[in-house]
Amino acid sequence: MNKIITLQSENKFVKTVVDHILDSIKKKKGLFRMAVSGGSTPGPIYKRLAASDQVDWTQVEIYLVDERYVSAENEHSNYRLITNELIAKFPSPPAKWVNFNCSLTIYEALDMYERSLDSLDKQFFDLILLGLGADGHTASLFPADPLLTEETRWVGHSSKGHPVPDRLTLTYPALESSREILFLVKGKTKENILQRIQEPDSQLPAKRIFQLEKTKVFFGDYA
């Protein structure tokens, strides 16, 4: 399969991504671990996923890729978005819903999240869904961030975010522990950055994940 799958309509984009995710879950025997991202692009995907009766969601663990350090009720909260669009719509609760507890201090929240991960398991996640920022960031791994050099801890704190500076995020080691990684990218404004991360001399954060053999990109070329 080509690394970049281009889709010409929103309906085709959503259906193709959802079908791919469901197929991945059905192929795995036993527990399935999936990490999900916030943002506007995956919203319709989460709604269609939650409505599916093709898999047993009680056998799926859901993890949050990254979070803005805001309250759970804040409009910028990824926890709020994922809970409303996905978790709350499941017919039965998932096996786990692991997120960053922003009612704690940043370091307490990171520690609590990291204790839910087995960093000795080099293939911890089965699937991770990522977005791509206009500046080339993915998860909350931003250009020129010291967090890009982290090779031990699976979670970390970034202060490079916008409009909320403080972010809690999975790091490269955690992302690379996944058996499969999907970038969900939509719109003409993201086409340029998608091209830039493919340049041989690109130093953009998403490039490290993009170039992995197990990474695929679903690009919605319609907005």
N, C-alpha and C. Protein backbone atom coordinates (compact mmCIF):
# COMPACT_ATOMS: atom_id res chain seq x y z
N MET A 1 0.85 -1.20 0.00
CA MET A 1 0.00 0.00 0.00
C MET A 1 0.88 1.24 0.00
N ASN A 2 0.47 2.26 -0.79
CA ASN A 2 1.22 3.50 -0.80
C ASN A 2 1.15 4.16 0.57
N LYS A 3 2.23 4.89 0.92
CA LYS A 3 2.25 5.56 2.22
C LYS A 3 1.17 6.63 2.30
N ILE A 4 0.90 7.34 1.20
CA ILE A 4 -0.11 8.39 1.19
C ILE A 4 -1.31 7.94 0.37
N ILE A 5 -2.47 7.86 1.02
CA ILE A 5 -3.71 7.49 0.35
C ILE A 5 -4.53 8.76 0.22
N THR A 6 -4.73 9.23 -1.00
CA THR A 6 -5.45 10.48 -1.25
C THR A 6 -6.92 10.20 -1.52
N LEU A 7 -7.80 10.93 -0.83
CA LEU A 7 -9.25 10.72 -0.93
C LEU A 7 -9.92 12.05 -1.26
N GLN A 8 -10.88 12.01 -2.18
CA GLN A 8 -11.39 13.23 -2.79
C GLN A 8 -12.66 13.80 -2.18
N SER A 9 -13.24 13.14 -1.19
CA SER A 9 -14.45 13.66 -0.55
C SER A 9 -14.41 13.32 0.93
N GLU A 10 -15.17 14.08 1.73
CA GLU A 10 -15.18 13.83 3.17
C GLU A 10 -15.77 12.46 3.48
N ASN A 11 -16.84 12.10 2.77
CA ASN A 11 -17.46 10.81 3.03
C ASN A 11 -16.48 9.67 2.75
N LYS A 12 -15.75 9.77 1.64
CA LYS A 12 -14.77 8.74 1.29
C LYS A 12 -13.64 8.72 2.30
N PHE A 13 -13.20 9.89 2.72
CA PHE A 13 -12.12 10.00 3.70
C PHE A 13 -12.51 9.31 5.01
N VAL A 14 -13.68 9.68 5.54
CA VAL A 14 -14.14 9.12 6.81
C VAL A 14 -14.35 7.62 6.71
N LYS A 15 -15.03 7.18 5.66
CA LYS A 15 -15.32 5.75 5.51
C LYS A 15 -14.05 4.93 5.37
N THR A 16 -13.10 5.41 4.58
CA THR A 16 -11.86 4.66 4.36
C THR A 16 -11.05 4.53 5.65
N VAL A 17 -10.94 5.61 6.40
CA VAL A 17 -10.19 5.58 7.65
C VAL A 17 -10.88 4.67 8.66
N VAL A 18 -12.19 4.82 8.81
CA VAL A 18 -12.93 3.99 9.77
C VAL A 18 -12.83 2.51 9.41
N ASP A 19 -12.99 2.18 8.13
CA ASP A 19 -12.88 0.79 7.71
C ASP A 19 -11.49 0.22 8.02
N HIS A 20 -10.47 1.04 7.82
CA HIS A 20 -9.10 0.59 8.10
C HIS A 20 -8.92 0.32 9.59
N ILE A 21 -9.41 1.23 10.43
CA ILE A 21 -9.29 1.06 11.89
C ILE A 21 -10.03 -0.19 12.34
N LEU A 22 -11.26 -0.36 11.87
CA LEU A 22 -12.05 -1.52 12.27
C LEU A 22 -11.39 -2.82 11.83
N ASP A 23 -10.84 -2.84 10.63
CA ASP A 23 -10.14 -4.04 10.15
C ASP A 23 -8.94 -4.36 11.03
N SER A 24 -8.20 -3.33 11.44
CA SER A 24 -7.04 -3.55 12.30
C SER A 24 -7.46 -4.14 13.65
N ILE A 25 -8.55 -3.63 14.21
CA ILE A 25 -9.03 -4.14 15.49
C ILE A 25 -9.49 -5.59 15.36
N LYS A 26 -10.21 -5.89 14.28
CA LYS A 26 -10.76 -7.24 14.10
C LYS A 26 -9.66 -8.28 13.86
N LYS A 27 -8.55 -7.85 13.28
CA LYS A 27 -7.46 -8.79 12.99
C LYS A 27 -6.67 -9.17 14.25
N LYS A 28 -6.75 -8.33 15.28
CA LYS A 28 -5.99 -8.58 16.51
C LYS A 28 -6.79 -9.46 17.46
N LYS A 29 -6.22 -10.53 17.88
CA LYS A 29 -6.87 -11.39 18.88
C LYS A 29 -6.59 -10.84 20.27
N GLY A 30 -7.62 -10.71 21.08
CA GLY A 30 -7.44 -10.20 22.43
C GLY A 30 -7.47 -8.69 22.47
N LEU A 31 -6.85 -8.13 23.51
CA LEU A 31 -6.89 -6.70 23.77
C LEU A 31 -6.22 -5.89 22.66
N PHE A 32 -6.85 -4.75 22.31
CA PHE A 32 -6.33 -3.85 21.28
C PHE A 32 -6.10 -2.49 21.91
N ARG A 33 -4.88 -1.94 21.75
CA ARG A 33 -4.55 -0.64 22.33
C ARG A 33 -4.46 0.41 21.21
N MET A 34 -5.26 1.45 21.33
CA MET A 34 -5.31 2.49 20.32
C MET A 34 -5.14 3.86 20.97
N ALA A 35 -4.23 4.67 20.44
CA ALA A 35 -4.03 6.03 20.93
C ALA A 35 -4.63 7.01 19.93
N VAL A 36 -5.38 7.99 20.43
CA VAL A 36 -6.12 8.89 19.56
C VAL A 36 -5.74 10.35 19.83
N SER A 37 -5.92 11.17 18.80
CA SER A 37 -5.57 12.59 18.88
C SER A 37 -6.83 13.45 18.81
N GLY A 38 -6.70 14.70 19.26
CA GLY A 38 -7.78 15.65 19.16
C GLY A 38 -7.76 16.37 17.83
N GLY A 39 -8.48 17.48 17.74
CA GLY A 39 -8.52 18.25 16.50
C GLY A 39 -9.82 18.06 15.75
N SER A 40 -10.03 18.89 14.74
CA SER A 40 -11.28 18.86 13.98
C SER A 40 -11.32 17.73 12.96
N THR A 41 -10.18 17.33 12.43
CA THR A 41 -10.17 16.32 11.37
C THR A 41 -10.74 14.98 11.81
N PRO A 42 -10.36 14.43 12.98
CA PRO A 42 -10.87 13.10 13.33
C PRO A 42 -12.27 13.07 13.92
N GLY A 43 -12.89 14.22 14.17
CA GLY A 43 -14.21 14.25 14.79
C GLY A 43 -15.22 13.34 14.11
N PRO A 44 -15.47 13.52 12.79
CA PRO A 44 -16.42 12.65 12.09
C PRO A 44 -16.02 11.18 12.10
N ILE A 45 -14.71 10.93 12.13
CA ILE A 45 -14.22 9.56 12.19
C ILE A 45 -14.61 8.91 13.51
N TYR A 46 -14.45 9.66 14.61
CA TYR A 46 -14.80 9.13 15.92
C TYR A 46 -16.30 8.84 16.02
N LYS A 47 -17.12 9.71 15.45
CA LYS A 47 -18.57 9.49 15.50
C LYS A 47 -18.95 8.20 14.79
N ARG A 48 -18.35 7.97 13.61
CA ARG A 48 -18.69 6.75 12.87
C ARG A 48 -18.11 5.52 13.54
N LEU A 49 -16.93 5.65 14.12
CA LEU A 49 -16.34 4.53 14.85
C LEU A 49 -17.23 4.10 16.01
N ALA A 50 -17.67 5.07 16.79
CA ALA A 50 -18.47 4.78 17.98
C ALA A 50 -19.80 4.13 17.62
N ALA A 51 -20.29 4.40 16.42
CA ALA A 51 -21.57 3.85 16.00
C ALA A 51 -21.44 2.44 15.44
N SER A 52 -20.20 1.97 15.26
CA SER A 52 -20.00 0.66 14.65
C SER A 52 -20.28 -0.47 15.64
N ASP A 53 -20.92 -1.53 15.13
CA ASP A 53 -21.16 -2.72 15.95
C ASP A 53 -20.28 -3.89 15.48
N GLN A 54 -19.22 -3.57 14.74
CA GLN A 54 -18.37 -4.62 14.18
C GLN A 54 -17.32 -5.15 15.16
N VAL A 55 -17.06 -4.39 16.22
CA VAL A 55 -16.05 -4.83 17.19
C VAL A 55 -16.60 -4.73 18.61
N ASP A 56 -15.96 -5.46 19.49
CA ASP A 56 -16.31 -5.41 20.91
C ASP A 56 -15.42 -4.35 21.57
N TRP A 57 -16.00 -3.20 21.84
CA TRP A 57 -15.22 -2.09 22.38
C TRP A 57 -14.73 -2.34 23.81
N THR A 58 -15.31 -3.32 24.48
CA THR A 58 -14.83 -3.65 25.82
C THR A 58 -13.46 -4.34 25.76
N GLN A 59 -13.02 -4.70 24.55
CA GLN A 59 -11.70 -5.30 24.35
C GLN A 59 -10.70 -4.30 23.77
N VAL A 60 -11.08 -3.02 23.79
CA VAL A 60 -10.22 -1.97 23.22
C VAL A 60 -9.85 -0.97 24.31
N GLU A 61 -8.55 -0.74 24.46
CA GLU A 61 -8.06 0.32 25.36
C GLU A 61 -7.80 1.58 24.53
N ILE A 62 -8.31 2.70 25.01
CA ILE A 62 -8.14 3.98 24.33
C ILE A 62 -7.19 4.86 25.14
N TYR A 63 -6.18 5.40 24.48
CA TYR A 63 -5.20 6.28 25.11
C TYR A 63 -5.19 7.62 24.38
N LEU A 64 -4.96 8.69 25.14
CA LEU A 64 -4.89 10.02 24.55
C LEU A 64 -3.44 10.33 24.15
N VAL A 65 -3.24 10.74 22.90
CA VAL A 65 -1.89 11.04 22.41
C VAL A 65 -1.30 12.24 23.11
N ASP A 66 -2.08 13.32 23.21
CA ASP A 66 -1.56 14.54 23.85
C ASP A 66 -2.71 15.39 24.36
N GLU A 67 -2.37 16.32 25.23
CA GLU A 67 -3.39 17.15 25.86
C GLU A 67 -2.88 18.55 26.11
N ARG A 68 -3.76 19.52 25.96
CA ARG A 68 -3.48 20.89 26.40
C ARG A 68 -3.72 20.94 27.90
N TYR A 69 -2.85 21.64 28.62
CA TYR A 69 -2.97 21.68 30.09
C TYR A 69 -4.05 22.68 30.47
N VAL A 70 -5.30 22.21 30.34
CA VAL A 70 -6.48 23.01 30.67
C VAL A 70 -7.46 22.10 31.41
N SER A 71 -8.51 22.68 31.96
CA SER A 71 -9.50 21.88 32.67
C SER A 71 -10.25 20.99 31.67
N ALA A 72 -10.86 19.95 32.18
CA ALA A 72 -11.59 19.01 31.34
C ALA A 72 -12.80 19.67 30.67
N GLU A 73 -13.28 20.80 31.20
CA GLU A 73 -14.43 21.47 30.63
C GLU A 73 -14.04 22.52 29.60
N ASN A 74 -12.75 22.80 29.47
CA ASN A 74 -12.28 23.85 28.58
C ASN A 74 -12.50 23.45 27.11
N GLU A 75 -12.81 24.44 26.27
CA GLU A 75 -13.06 24.16 24.86
C GLU A 75 -11.83 23.61 24.13
N HIS A 76 -10.64 23.84 24.68
CA HIS A 76 -9.41 23.35 24.06
C HIS A 76 -9.02 21.95 24.54
N SER A 77 -9.79 21.35 25.42
CA SER A 77 -9.44 20.06 26.01
C SER A 77 -9.65 18.91 25.02
N ASN A 78 -8.60 18.15 24.77
CA ASN A 78 -8.73 16.95 23.95
C ASN A 78 -9.52 15.88 24.69
N TYR A 79 -9.36 15.83 26.02
CA TYR A 79 -10.15 14.89 26.82
C TYR A 79 -11.64 15.12 26.57
N ARG A 80 -12.04 16.37 26.60
CA ARG A 80 -13.45 16.73 26.40
C ARG A 80 -13.92 16.27 25.02
N LEU A 81 -13.14 16.54 23.99
CA LEU A 81 -13.52 16.18 22.64
C LEU A 81 -13.64 14.67 22.46
N ILE A 82 -12.62 13.93 22.91
CA ILE A 82 -12.63 12.47 22.73
C ILE A 82 -13.74 11.82 23.56
N THR A 83 -13.93 12.33 24.77
CA THR A 83 -15.00 11.78 25.61
C THR A 83 -16.36 11.99 24.96
N ASN A 84 -16.61 13.21 24.47
CA ASN A 84 -17.91 13.53 23.89
C ASN A 84 -18.15 12.84 22.55
N GLU A 85 -17.12 12.79 21.71
CA GLU A 85 -17.29 12.28 20.35
C GLU A 85 -17.11 10.77 20.23
N LEU A 86 -16.41 10.16 21.20
CA LEU A 86 -16.09 8.74 21.07
C LEU A 86 -16.48 7.93 22.30
N ILE A 87 -15.85 8.22 23.43
CA ILE A 87 -16.02 7.38 24.62
C ILE A 87 -17.48 7.31 25.07
N ALA A 88 -18.13 8.47 25.13
CA ALA A 88 -19.52 8.51 25.63
C ALA A 88 -20.52 7.89 24.66
N LYS A 89 -20.09 7.69 23.40
CA LYS A 89 -21.00 7.14 22.39
C LYS A 89 -20.91 5.62 22.27
N PHE A 90 -19.90 5.01 22.90
CA PHE A 90 -19.79 3.56 22.84
C PHE A 90 -20.99 2.91 23.52
N PRO A 91 -21.49 1.79 23.00
CA PRO A 91 -22.59 1.09 23.67
C PRO A 91 -22.17 0.54 25.03
N SER A 92 -20.89 0.19 25.17
CA SER A 92 -20.32 -0.24 26.45
C SER A 92 -18.98 0.47 26.62
N PRO A 93 -18.56 0.75 27.84
CA PRO A 93 -17.28 1.45 28.06
C PRO A 93 -16.11 0.63 27.50
N PRO A 94 -15.09 1.31 26.98
CA PRO A 94 -13.90 0.59 26.52
C PRO A 94 -13.17 -0.04 27.70
N ALA A 95 -12.26 -0.95 27.40
CA ALA A 95 -11.50 -1.62 28.46
C ALA A 95 -10.77 -0.61 29.34
N LYS A 96 -10.23 0.44 28.72
CA LYS A 96 -9.57 1.53 29.46
C LYS A 96 -9.76 2.82 28.68
N TRP A 97 -9.75 3.93 29.40
CA TRP A 97 -9.71 5.26 28.78
C TRP A 97 -8.64 6.02 29.57
N VAL A 98 -7.44 6.05 29.01
CA VAL A 98 -6.27 6.62 29.68
C VAL A 98 -5.99 8.00 29.11
N ASN A 99 -5.98 9.00 29.98
CA ASN A 99 -5.77 10.38 29.54
C ASN A 99 -4.93 11.12 30.57
N PHE A 100 -4.59 12.34 30.25
CA PHE A 100 -3.79 13.17 31.14
C PHE A 100 -4.72 13.94 32.08
N ASN A 101 -4.57 13.71 33.37
CA ASN A 101 -5.43 14.35 34.37
C ASN A 101 -4.91 15.75 34.69
N CYS A 102 -5.51 16.73 34.05
CA CYS A 102 -5.01 18.10 34.19
C CYS A 102 -5.50 18.80 35.45
N SER A 103 -6.20 18.08 36.31
CA SER A 103 -6.51 18.65 37.62
C SER A 103 -5.31 18.50 38.56
N LEU A 104 -4.33 17.69 38.15
CA LEU A 104 -3.09 17.51 38.89
C LEU A 104 -2.04 18.49 38.38
N THR A 105 -0.90 18.55 39.06
CA THR A 105 0.20 19.33 38.51
C THR A 105 0.68 18.64 37.23
N ILE A 106 1.41 19.35 36.41
CA ILE A 106 1.90 18.78 35.16
C ILE A 106 2.70 17.51 35.43
N TYR A 107 3.58 17.56 36.40
CA TYR A 107 4.46 16.42 36.64
C TYR A 107 3.71 15.24 37.26
N GLU A 108 2.70 15.52 38.08
CA GLU A 108 1.86 14.46 38.61
C GLU A 108 1.06 13.80 37.50
N ALA A 109 0.53 14.62 36.59
CA ALA A 109 -0.26 14.09 35.48
C ALA A 109 0.59 13.21 34.57
N LEU A 110 1.82 13.64 34.30
CA LEU A 110 2.73 12.85 33.47
C LEU A 110 3.06 11.52 34.14
N ASP A 111 3.33 11.59 35.43
CA ASP A 111 3.70 10.38 36.17
C ASP A 111 2.54 9.38 36.20
N MET A 112 1.33 9.88 36.44
CA MET A 112 0.17 8.99 36.49
C MET A 112 -0.05 8.31 35.13
N TYR A 113 0.07 9.08 34.05
CA TYR A 113 -0.12 8.52 32.72
C TYR A 113 0.96 7.49 32.42
N GLU A 114 2.20 7.84 32.70
CA GLU A 114 3.31 6.95 32.36
C GLU A 114 3.21 5.62 33.11
N ARG A 115 2.65 5.64 34.31
CA ARG A 115 2.52 4.40 35.07
C ARG A 115 1.50 3.45 34.44
N SER A 116 0.68 3.95 33.52
CA SER A 116 -0.28 3.09 32.83
C SER A 116 0.34 2.42 31.60
N LEU A 117 1.57 2.80 31.29
CA LEU A 117 2.26 2.27 30.11
C LEU A 117 3.34 1.28 30.52
N ASP A 118 3.54 0.27 29.70
CA ASP A 118 4.64 -0.68 29.92
C ASP A 118 5.74 -0.35 28.94
N SER A 119 6.68 0.50 29.36
CA SER A 119 7.72 0.95 28.45
C SER A 119 8.74 -0.14 28.11
N LEU A 120 8.60 -1.31 28.74
CA LEU A 120 9.45 -2.44 28.36
C LEU A 120 8.87 -3.18 27.16
N ASP A 121 7.60 -2.93 26.87
CA ASP A 121 6.95 -3.54 25.72
C ASP A 121 7.23 -2.66 24.50
N LYS A 122 8.09 -3.10 23.63
CA LYS A 122 8.50 -2.27 22.49
C LYS A 122 7.42 -2.18 21.42
N GLN A 123 6.35 -2.96 21.57
CA GLN A 123 5.20 -2.82 20.68
C GLN A 123 3.95 -2.69 21.56
N PHE A 124 3.91 -1.63 22.33
CA PHE A 124 2.83 -1.45 23.31
C PHE A 124 1.51 -1.15 22.62
N PHE A 125 1.50 -0.17 21.71
CA PHE A 125 0.27 0.22 21.02
C PHE A 125 0.08 -0.63 19.76
N ASP A 126 -1.17 -0.86 19.42
CA ASP A 126 -1.48 -1.53 18.16
C ASP A 126 -1.70 -0.51 17.05
N LEU A 127 -2.25 0.65 17.41
CA LEU A 127 -2.56 1.67 16.41
C LEU A 127 -2.53 3.04 17.06
N ILE A 128 -1.94 4.01 16.37
CA ILE A 128 -1.94 5.39 16.85
C ILE A 128 -2.45 6.29 15.72
N LEU A 129 -3.37 7.17 16.05
CA LEU A 129 -3.90 8.15 15.11
C LEU A 129 -3.28 9.51 15.42
N LEU A 130 -2.64 10.10 14.42
CA LEU A 130 -1.96 11.37 14.60
C LEU A 130 -2.47 12.42 13.62
N GLY A 131 -2.34 13.68 14.01
CA GLY A 131 -2.59 14.79 13.12
C GLY A 131 -1.28 15.40 12.67
N LEU A 132 -1.37 16.39 11.81
CA LEU A 132 -0.19 17.08 11.31
C LEU A 132 -0.45 18.58 11.36
N GLY A 133 0.36 19.29 12.16
CA GLY A 133 0.19 20.74 12.29
C GLY A 133 0.79 21.50 11.13
N ALA A 134 0.33 22.72 10.94
CA ALA A 134 0.83 23.56 9.84
C ALA A 134 2.30 23.90 9.99
N ASP A 135 2.85 23.73 11.21
CA ASP A 135 4.27 23.98 11.45
C ASP A 135 5.08 22.68 11.44
N GLY A 136 4.43 21.57 11.07
CA GLY A 136 5.13 20.30 11.01
C GLY A 136 5.15 19.53 12.31
N HIS A 137 4.39 19.98 13.31
CA HIS A 137 4.36 19.22 14.57
C HIS A 137 3.37 18.07 14.47
N THR A 138 3.56 17.08 15.28
CA THR A 138 2.60 16.01 15.45
C THR A 138 2.57 15.65 16.93
N ALA A 139 1.43 15.08 17.40
CA ALA A 139 1.21 14.99 18.85
C ALA A 139 1.46 16.41 19.39
N SER A 140 2.21 16.56 20.50
CA SER A 140 2.64 17.90 20.92
C SER A 140 4.16 17.95 20.88
N LEU A 141 4.70 17.51 19.75
CA LEU A 141 6.14 17.54 19.49
C LEU A 141 6.37 18.64 18.46
N PHE A 142 6.86 19.79 18.94
CA PHE A 142 6.96 20.99 18.13
C PHE A 142 8.39 21.26 17.66
N PRO A 143 8.55 22.03 16.56
CA PRO A 143 9.89 22.38 16.11
C PRO A 143 10.71 23.06 17.21
N ALA A 144 11.98 22.72 17.27
CA ALA A 144 12.94 23.33 18.21
C ALA A 144 12.60 23.08 19.66
N ASP A 145 11.81 22.07 19.95
CA ASP A 145 11.46 21.74 21.33
C ASP A 145 12.48 20.75 21.90
N PRO A 146 13.03 21.01 23.09
CA PRO A 146 13.96 20.05 23.70
C PRO A 146 13.36 18.65 23.85
N LEU A 147 12.03 18.57 23.88
CA LEU A 147 11.37 17.27 24.03
C LEU A 147 11.65 16.35 22.85
N LEU A 148 12.06 16.91 21.72
CA LEU A 148 12.36 16.10 20.54
C LEU A 148 13.57 15.18 20.77
N THR A 149 14.38 15.48 21.76
CA THR A 149 15.57 14.67 22.03
C THR A 149 15.31 13.59 23.09
N GLU A 150 14.09 13.55 23.62
CA GLU A 150 13.77 12.57 24.65
C GLU A 150 13.76 11.15 24.06
N GLU A 151 14.56 10.26 24.64
CA GLU A 151 14.65 8.89 24.14
C GLU A 151 14.37 7.85 25.22
N THR A 152 14.02 8.29 26.43
CA THR A 152 13.79 7.36 27.53
C THR A 152 12.33 7.38 28.00
N ARG A 153 11.88 8.55 28.44
CA ARG A 153 10.50 8.65 28.93
C ARG A 153 9.51 8.59 27.78
N TRP A 154 8.35 8.01 28.06
CA TRP A 154 7.31 7.87 27.04
C TRP A 154 6.33 9.02 27.04
N VAL A 155 6.39 9.89 28.03
CA VAL A 155 5.54 11.08 28.07
C VAL A 155 6.41 12.27 28.42
N GLY A 156 5.95 13.46 28.05
CA GLY A 156 6.72 14.65 28.37
C GLY A 156 5.88 15.91 28.31
N HIS A 157 6.49 17.01 28.74
CA HIS A 157 5.83 18.31 28.80
C HIS A 157 6.47 19.24 27.77
N SER A 158 5.64 19.88 26.97
CA SER A 158 6.09 20.89 26.04
C SER A 158 5.48 22.23 26.42
N SER A 159 6.22 23.31 26.21
CA SER A 159 5.68 24.65 26.45
C SER A 159 5.65 25.44 25.14
N LYS A 160 5.60 24.72 24.01
CA LYS A 160 5.67 25.35 22.69
C LYS A 160 4.32 25.45 22.00
N GLY A 161 3.25 25.03 22.67
CA GLY A 161 1.95 24.97 22.02
C GLY A 161 1.29 26.32 21.81
N HIS A 162 0.27 26.34 20.96
CA HIS A 162 -0.53 27.53 20.71
C HIS A 162 -1.94 27.06 20.36
N PRO A 163 -2.98 27.68 20.91
CA PRO A 163 -2.99 28.85 21.79
C PRO A 163 -2.72 28.52 23.25
N VAL A 164 -2.68 27.25 23.61
CA VAL A 164 -2.35 26.86 24.98
C VAL A 164 -0.90 26.39 25.00
N PRO A 165 0.02 27.11 25.64
CA PRO A 165 1.44 26.75 25.57
C PRO A 165 1.77 25.39 26.17
N ASP A 166 1.25 25.11 27.36
CA ASP A 166 1.64 23.88 28.05
C ASP A 166 0.88 22.68 27.50
N ARG A 167 1.64 21.68 27.08
CA ARG A 167 1.06 20.45 26.53
C ARG A 167 1.69 19.23 27.21
N LEU A 168 0.91 18.18 27.34
CA LEU A 168 1.38 16.89 27.83
C LEU A 168 1.24 15.92 26.67
N THR A 169 2.26 15.12 26.43
CA THR A 169 2.25 14.35 25.18
C THR A 169 3.03 13.05 25.26
N LEU A 170 2.63 12.09 24.42
CA LEU A 170 3.48 10.94 24.17
C LEU A 170 4.72 11.42 23.41
N THR A 171 5.85 10.81 23.68
CA THR A 171 7.11 11.18 23.03
C THR A 171 7.39 10.23 21.86
N TYR A 172 8.50 10.49 21.17
CA TYR A 172 8.89 9.61 20.07
C TYR A 172 8.95 8.14 20.47
N PRO A 173 9.59 7.78 21.60
CA PRO A 173 9.66 6.36 21.96
C PRO A 173 8.28 5.71 22.08
N ALA A 174 7.31 6.43 22.63
CA ALA A 174 5.96 5.88 22.77
C ALA A 174 5.29 5.74 21.41
N LEU A 175 5.40 6.76 20.57
CA LEU A 175 4.80 6.70 19.25
C LEU A 175 5.40 5.56 18.43
N GLU A 176 6.69 5.40 18.55
CA GLU A 176 7.37 4.37 17.77
C GLU A 176 7.11 2.96 18.29
N SER A 177 6.48 2.86 19.46
CA SER A 177 6.15 1.54 20.00
C SER A 177 4.90 0.95 19.36
N SER A 178 4.24 1.71 18.50
CA SER A 178 3.00 1.23 17.89
C SER A 178 3.27 0.34 16.69
N ARG A 179 2.45 -0.68 16.54
CA ARG A 179 2.57 -1.57 15.38
C ARG A 179 2.17 -0.87 14.09
N GLU A 180 1.29 0.13 14.22
CA GLU A 180 0.81 0.84 13.04
C GLU A 180 0.53 2.29 13.44
N ILE A 181 0.85 3.22 12.53
CA ILE A 181 0.64 4.65 12.78
C ILE A 181 -0.09 5.25 11.58
N LEU A 182 -1.16 5.98 11.84
CA LEU A 182 -1.91 6.64 10.78
C LEU A 182 -1.88 8.15 10.99
N PHE A 183 -1.45 8.89 9.98
CA PHE A 183 -1.62 10.34 9.97
C PHE A 183 -2.95 10.64 9.29
N LEU A 184 -3.77 11.48 9.91
CA LEU A 184 -5.03 11.92 9.33
C LEU A 184 -4.86 13.39 8.97
N VAL A 185 -4.80 13.68 7.67
CA VAL A 185 -4.48 15.03 7.18
C VAL A 185 -5.56 15.44 6.19
N LYS A 186 -6.03 16.66 6.32
CA LYS A 186 -7.15 17.11 5.48
C LYS A 186 -6.94 18.54 5.03
N GLY A 187 -7.20 18.81 3.75
CA GLY A 187 -7.28 20.18 3.27
C GLY A 187 -6.06 20.68 2.53
N LYS A 188 -6.29 21.65 1.64
CA LYS A 188 -5.23 22.24 0.83
C LYS A 188 -4.16 22.91 1.68
N THR A 189 -4.56 23.47 2.84
CA THR A 189 -3.58 24.18 3.66
C THR A 189 -2.55 23.21 4.26
N LYS A 190 -2.91 21.92 4.37
CA LYS A 190 -1.97 20.94 4.92
C LYS A 190 -1.14 20.25 3.83
N GLU A 191 -1.52 20.47 2.56
CA GLU A 191 -0.82 19.80 1.47
C GLU A 191 0.64 20.23 1.39
N ASN A 192 0.87 21.53 1.63
CA ASN A 192 2.24 22.05 1.56
C ASN A 192 3.12 21.45 2.64
N ILE A 193 2.62 21.38 3.88
CA ILE A 193 3.43 20.83 4.97
C ILE A 193 3.64 19.33 4.78
N LEU A 194 2.68 18.65 4.18
CA LEU A 194 2.83 17.23 3.89
C LEU A 194 3.95 17.02 2.88
N GLN A 195 4.07 17.93 1.93
CA GLN A 195 5.17 17.85 0.96
C GLN A 195 6.51 18.17 1.63
N ARG A 196 6.49 19.14 2.54
CA ARG A 196 7.75 19.56 3.19
C ARG A 196 8.35 18.47 4.06
N ILE A 197 7.51 17.68 4.74
CA ILE A 197 8.08 16.65 5.61
C ILE A 197 8.67 15.50 4.80
N GLN A 198 8.41 15.48 3.50
CA GLN A 198 8.98 14.45 2.64
C GLN A 198 10.32 14.86 2.04
N GLU A 199 10.71 16.12 2.23
CA GLU A 199 11.98 16.58 1.70
C GLU A 199 13.15 15.93 2.46
N PRO A 200 14.20 15.52 1.74
CA PRO A 200 15.32 14.80 2.38
C PRO A 200 15.96 15.53 3.55
N ASP A 201 16.03 16.85 3.49
CA ASP A 201 16.70 17.61 4.55
C ASP A 201 15.71 18.18 5.58
N SER A 202 14.46 17.74 5.55
CA SER A 202 13.46 18.25 6.49
C SER A 202 13.81 17.89 7.92
N GLN A 203 13.68 18.88 8.81
CA GLN A 203 13.90 18.67 10.25
C GLN A 203 12.60 18.80 11.03
N LEU A 204 11.48 18.80 10.34
CA LEU A 204 10.19 18.97 11.00
C LEU A 204 9.88 17.75 11.87
N PRO A 205 9.28 17.96 13.04
CA PRO A 205 9.07 16.85 13.99
C PRO A 205 8.31 15.66 13.41
N ALA A 206 7.32 15.91 12.54
CA ALA A 206 6.52 14.81 12.00
C ALA A 206 7.33 13.90 11.09
N LYS A 207 8.44 14.38 10.57
CA LYS A 207 9.22 13.59 9.60
C LYS A 207 9.69 12.26 10.20
N ARG A 208 10.13 12.29 11.44
CA ARG A 208 10.66 11.06 12.07
C ARG A 208 9.60 9.96 12.08
N ILE A 209 8.35 10.33 12.32
CA ILE A 209 7.28 9.34 12.35
C ILE A 209 6.80 9.01 10.94
N PHE A 210 6.73 10.02 10.09
CA PHE A 210 6.29 9.83 8.71
C PHE A 210 7.14 8.80 7.97
N GLN A 211 8.44 8.83 8.20
CA GLN A 211 9.34 7.98 7.41
C GLN A 211 9.38 6.52 7.87
N LEU A 212 8.71 6.21 8.98
CA LEU A 212 8.68 4.82 9.42
C LEU A 212 7.90 3.96 8.44
N GLU A 213 8.35 2.73 8.24
CA GLU A 213 7.70 1.80 7.31
C GLU A 213 6.24 1.54 7.71
N LYS A 214 5.97 1.55 9.00
CA LYS A 214 4.63 1.21 9.49
C LYS A 214 3.65 2.39 9.47
N THR A 215 4.08 3.53 8.97
CA THR A 215 3.24 4.73 8.94
C THR A 215 2.51 4.86 7.61
N LYS A 216 1.22 5.20 7.68
CA LYS A 216 0.42 5.50 6.50
C LYS A 216 -0.21 6.88 6.69
N VAL A 217 -0.48 7.56 5.58
CA VAL A 217 -1.11 8.87 5.61
C VAL A 217 -2.40 8.82 4.82
N PHE A 218 -3.50 9.22 5.46
CA PHE A 218 -4.76 9.38 4.77
C PHE A 218 -4.95 10.88 4.55
N PHE A 219 -4.94 11.29 3.29
CA PHE A 219 -5.01 12.72 2.96
C PHE A 219 -6.35 13.04 2.27
N GLY A 220 -7.14 13.88 2.93
CA GLY A 220 -8.40 14.32 2.37
C GLY A 220 -8.20 15.56 1.50
N ASP A 221 -8.19 15.37 0.19
CA ASP A 221 -7.89 16.45 -0.75
C ASP A 221 -9.19 17.10 -1.22
N TYR A 222 -9.88 17.75 -0.29
CA TYR A 222 -11.18 18.29 -0.66
C TYR A 222 -11.57 19.56 0.10
N ALA A 223 -10.75 20.01 1.02
CA ALA A 223 -11.16 21.17 1.82
C ALA A 223 -10.09 22.25 1.79
